[in-house]
Amino acid sequence: MIKGKAFRVMLDKFFESPTTQDARVQIELPNGQMMDIAEISLLENRILGSFETHRLVIKVEQPMGAMGKIIRRL
C-alpha cells in the first residue's frame, strides 16, 4: 500500500525528466495485463474510528489499439 504523500514524491521524481512528461501512463494488473488510467478520484470514508479518512481511487480501462512489446525497464 502506498500513501498519498509517498505517491506524490515518486511522481515528482518521475516528472523531472522530459521523457516521462509525455509518457503513456498505465497500470499493470497482477496477471500481467496493462490497463490505461481512465480517472482518478478522491473519496471520503464514512467508517467511524477509521485511520484512513480518505482514499485515492484509480479507475482503469482497456487500452485503445494495440500496444507495442515492452523492450526494457528504465
N, C-alpha and C. Protein backbone atom coordinates (compact mmCIF):
# COMPACT_ATOMS: atom_id res chain seq x y z
N MET A 1 0.84 -1.18 0.00
CA MET A 1 0.00 0.00 0.00
C MET A 1 0.89 1.24 0.00
N ILE A 2 0.52 2.24 -0.78
CA ILE A 2 1.26 3.49 -0.86
C ILE A 2 0.35 4.62 -0.37
N LYS A 3 0.86 5.45 0.50
CA LYS A 3 0.12 6.63 0.98
C LYS A 3 0.26 7.76 -0.03
N GLY A 4 -0.65 8.72 0.00
CA GLY A 4 -0.66 9.83 -0.95
C GLY A 4 0.62 10.64 -0.95
N LYS A 5 1.19 10.87 0.24
CA LYS A 5 2.41 11.67 0.34
C LYS A 5 3.58 11.00 -0.38
N ALA A 6 3.74 9.69 -0.19
CA ALA A 6 4.81 8.94 -0.85
C ALA A 6 4.55 8.88 -2.36
N PHE A 7 3.29 8.74 -2.75
CA PHE A 7 2.91 8.71 -4.16
C PHE A 7 3.32 10.01 -4.84
N ARG A 8 3.08 11.12 -4.18
CA ARG A 8 3.45 12.44 -4.71
C ARG A 8 4.96 12.56 -4.91
N VAL A 9 5.74 12.10 -3.93
CA VAL A 9 7.20 12.17 -4.02
C VAL A 9 7.70 11.36 -5.22
N MET A 10 7.13 10.15 -5.40
CA MET A 10 7.53 9.32 -6.55
C MET A 10 7.18 9.99 -7.87
N LEU A 11 5.98 10.54 -7.98
CA LEU A 11 5.57 11.20 -9.22
C LEU A 11 6.44 12.42 -9.52
N ASP A 12 6.76 13.20 -8.48
CA ASP A 12 7.62 14.37 -8.69
C ASP A 12 8.98 13.98 -9.25
N LYS A 13 9.55 12.87 -8.76
CA LYS A 13 10.84 12.40 -9.27
C LYS A 13 10.73 11.97 -10.73
N PHE A 14 9.64 11.29 -11.07
CA PHE A 14 9.45 10.87 -12.46
C PHE A 14 9.32 12.06 -13.40
N PHE A 15 8.59 13.08 -13.00
CA PHE A 15 8.29 14.18 -13.90
C PHE A 15 9.40 15.21 -14.01
N GLU A 16 10.55 14.97 -13.40
CA GLU A 16 11.72 15.82 -13.61
C GLU A 16 12.28 15.61 -15.02
N SER A 17 12.05 14.44 -15.59
CA SER A 17 12.57 14.10 -16.92
C SER A 17 11.57 14.46 -18.01
N PRO A 18 12.02 15.13 -19.08
CA PRO A 18 11.11 15.44 -20.20
C PRO A 18 10.55 14.17 -20.86
N THR A 19 11.30 13.08 -20.81
CA THR A 19 10.84 11.83 -21.40
C THR A 19 9.57 11.34 -20.71
N THR A 20 9.54 11.38 -19.38
CA THR A 20 8.36 10.88 -18.66
C THR A 20 7.18 11.83 -18.73
N GLN A 21 7.41 13.09 -19.02
CA GLN A 21 6.31 14.04 -19.09
C GLN A 21 5.36 13.73 -20.24
N ASP A 22 5.83 13.08 -21.29
CA ASP A 22 4.99 12.71 -22.43
C ASP A 22 4.73 11.21 -22.51
N ALA A 23 5.12 10.47 -21.48
CA ALA A 23 4.95 9.01 -21.50
C ALA A 23 3.49 8.62 -21.22
N ARG A 24 3.08 7.52 -21.82
CA ARG A 24 1.75 6.96 -21.55
C ARG A 24 1.74 6.40 -20.13
N VAL A 25 0.65 6.59 -19.41
CA VAL A 25 0.54 6.11 -18.03
C VAL A 25 -0.39 4.91 -18.01
N GLN A 26 0.12 3.78 -17.51
CA GLN A 26 -0.68 2.56 -17.43
C GLN A 26 -0.47 1.90 -16.06
N ILE A 27 -1.36 0.98 -15.75
CA ILE A 27 -1.26 0.17 -14.53
C ILE A 27 -1.13 -1.28 -14.97
N GLU A 28 -0.21 -2.00 -14.32
CA GLU A 28 -0.05 -3.43 -14.61
C GLU A 28 -0.80 -4.22 -13.55
N LEU A 29 -1.73 -5.07 -14.00
CA LEU A 29 -2.51 -5.91 -13.10
C LEU A 29 -1.68 -7.13 -12.68
N PRO A 30 -2.07 -7.81 -11.59
CA PRO A 30 -1.31 -8.98 -11.15
C PRO A 30 -1.14 -10.07 -12.21
N ASN A 31 -2.06 -10.14 -13.17
CA ASN A 31 -1.95 -11.16 -14.23
C ASN A 31 -1.05 -10.71 -15.39
N GLY A 32 -0.43 -9.51 -15.27
CA GLY A 32 0.47 -9.01 -16.29
C GLY A 32 -0.20 -8.14 -17.35
N GLN A 33 -1.52 -8.02 -17.29
CA GLN A 33 -2.25 -7.20 -18.27
C GLN A 33 -2.03 -5.71 -17.97
N MET A 34 -1.83 -4.92 -19.03
CA MET A 34 -1.63 -3.48 -18.91
C MET A 34 -2.94 -2.76 -19.19
N MET A 35 -3.30 -1.79 -18.33
CA MET A 35 -4.54 -1.03 -18.47
C MET A 35 -4.23 0.46 -18.46
N ASP A 36 -5.01 1.25 -19.21
CA ASP A 36 -4.89 2.71 -19.21
C ASP A 36 -5.66 3.28 -18.03
N ILE A 37 -5.19 4.40 -17.47
CA ILE A 37 -5.90 5.08 -16.40
C ILE A 37 -7.00 5.92 -17.03
N ALA A 38 -8.24 5.73 -16.56
CA ALA A 38 -9.38 6.46 -17.08
C ALA A 38 -9.74 7.64 -16.17
N GLU A 39 -9.55 7.48 -14.86
CA GLU A 39 -10.00 8.50 -13.92
C GLU A 39 -9.29 8.30 -12.58
N ILE A 40 -9.03 9.40 -11.88
CA ILE A 40 -8.50 9.35 -10.52
C ILE A 40 -9.43 10.19 -9.66
N SER A 41 -9.94 9.59 -8.55
CA SER A 41 -10.90 10.28 -7.69
C SER A 41 -10.43 10.27 -6.25
N LEU A 42 -10.80 11.30 -5.50
CA LEU A 42 -10.57 11.36 -4.06
C LEU A 42 -11.90 11.05 -3.40
N LEU A 43 -11.94 10.00 -2.59
CA LEU A 43 -13.17 9.58 -1.93
C LEU A 43 -13.00 9.65 -0.41
N GLU A 44 -14.09 9.92 0.27
CA GLU A 44 -14.08 10.01 1.73
C GLU A 44 -14.66 8.74 2.32
N ASN A 45 -13.99 8.20 3.35
CA ASN A 45 -14.50 7.03 4.07
C ASN A 45 -15.48 7.49 5.14
N ARG A 46 -16.56 6.78 5.31
CA ARG A 46 -17.56 7.10 6.32
C ARG A 46 -17.55 6.07 7.45
N ILE A 47 -16.40 5.47 7.71
CA ILE A 47 -16.29 4.45 8.75
C ILE A 47 -15.80 5.13 10.03
N LEU A 48 -16.56 5.04 11.13
CA LEU A 48 -16.16 5.64 12.40
C LEU A 48 -14.94 4.94 12.96
N GLY A 49 -13.98 5.72 13.43
CA GLY A 49 -12.77 5.16 14.02
C GLY A 49 -11.73 4.71 13.01
N SER A 50 -11.96 4.95 11.73
CA SER A 50 -11.00 4.54 10.71
C SER A 50 -9.82 5.50 10.69
N PHE A 51 -8.62 4.97 10.57
CA PHE A 51 -7.42 5.80 10.46
C PHE A 51 -7.32 6.42 9.07
N GLU A 52 -7.88 5.76 8.10
CA GLU A 52 -7.85 6.24 6.71
C GLU A 52 -9.18 6.93 6.42
N THR A 53 -9.18 8.25 6.47
CA THR A 53 -10.42 9.00 6.27
C THR A 53 -10.73 9.24 4.80
N HIS A 54 -9.71 9.15 3.94
CA HIS A 54 -9.89 9.38 2.50
C HIS A 54 -9.08 8.35 1.71
N ARG A 55 -9.43 8.20 0.46
CA ARG A 55 -8.67 7.31 -0.41
C ARG A 55 -8.64 7.85 -1.83
N LEU A 56 -7.55 7.60 -2.53
CA LEU A 56 -7.45 7.90 -3.95
C LEU A 56 -7.81 6.63 -4.70
N VAL A 57 -8.75 6.72 -5.62
CA VAL A 57 -9.18 5.56 -6.39
C VAL A 57 -8.85 5.80 -7.86
N ILE A 58 -8.16 4.85 -8.46
CA ILE A 58 -7.77 4.94 -9.86
C ILE A 58 -8.61 3.96 -10.66
N LYS A 59 -9.43 4.47 -11.58
CA LYS A 59 -10.23 3.61 -12.46
C LYS A 59 -9.42 3.35 -13.72
N VAL A 60 -9.49 2.12 -14.22
CA VAL A 60 -8.74 1.75 -15.41
C VAL A 60 -9.68 1.30 -16.51
N GLU A 61 -9.16 1.31 -17.74
CA GLU A 61 -9.92 0.84 -18.91
C GLU A 61 -8.98 0.12 -19.85
N GLN A 62 -9.56 -0.66 -20.75
CA GLN A 62 -8.76 -1.36 -21.76
C GLN A 62 -8.04 -0.35 -22.64
N PRO A 63 -6.77 -0.60 -23.00
CA PRO A 63 -6.06 0.31 -23.89
C PRO A 63 -6.72 0.37 -25.27
N MET A 64 -6.72 1.57 -25.84
CA MET A 64 -7.25 1.74 -27.19
C MET A 64 -6.16 1.38 -28.19
N GLY A 65 -6.41 0.42 -29.05
CA GLY A 65 -5.42 -0.01 -30.04
C GLY A 65 -4.40 -0.97 -29.44
N ALA A 66 -3.60 -1.52 -30.31
CA ALA A 66 -2.58 -2.49 -29.90
C ALA A 66 -1.37 -1.76 -29.31
N MET A 67 -0.83 -2.31 -28.25
CA MET A 67 0.37 -1.75 -27.62
C MET A 67 1.59 -2.53 -28.11
N GLY A 68 2.71 -1.83 -28.25
CA GLY A 68 3.96 -2.48 -28.63
C GLY A 68 4.53 -3.28 -27.48
N LYS A 69 5.44 -4.17 -27.79
CA LYS A 69 6.08 -5.00 -26.79
C LYS A 69 7.06 -4.14 -25.96
N ILE A 70 7.07 -4.35 -24.65
CA ILE A 70 8.00 -3.62 -23.78
C ILE A 70 9.39 -4.23 -23.96
N ILE A 71 10.39 -3.40 -24.25
CA ILE A 71 11.74 -3.91 -24.53
C ILE A 71 12.66 -3.84 -23.32
N ARG A 72 12.42 -2.90 -22.39
CA ARG A 72 13.24 -2.86 -21.17
C ARG A 72 12.63 -1.92 -20.16
N ARG A 73 13.06 -2.08 -18.93
CA ARG A 73 12.64 -1.23 -17.81
C ARG A 73 13.76 -0.22 -17.55
N LEU A 74 13.44 1.06 -17.49
CA LEU A 74 14.45 2.09 -17.28
C LEU A 74 14.60 2.45 -15.82
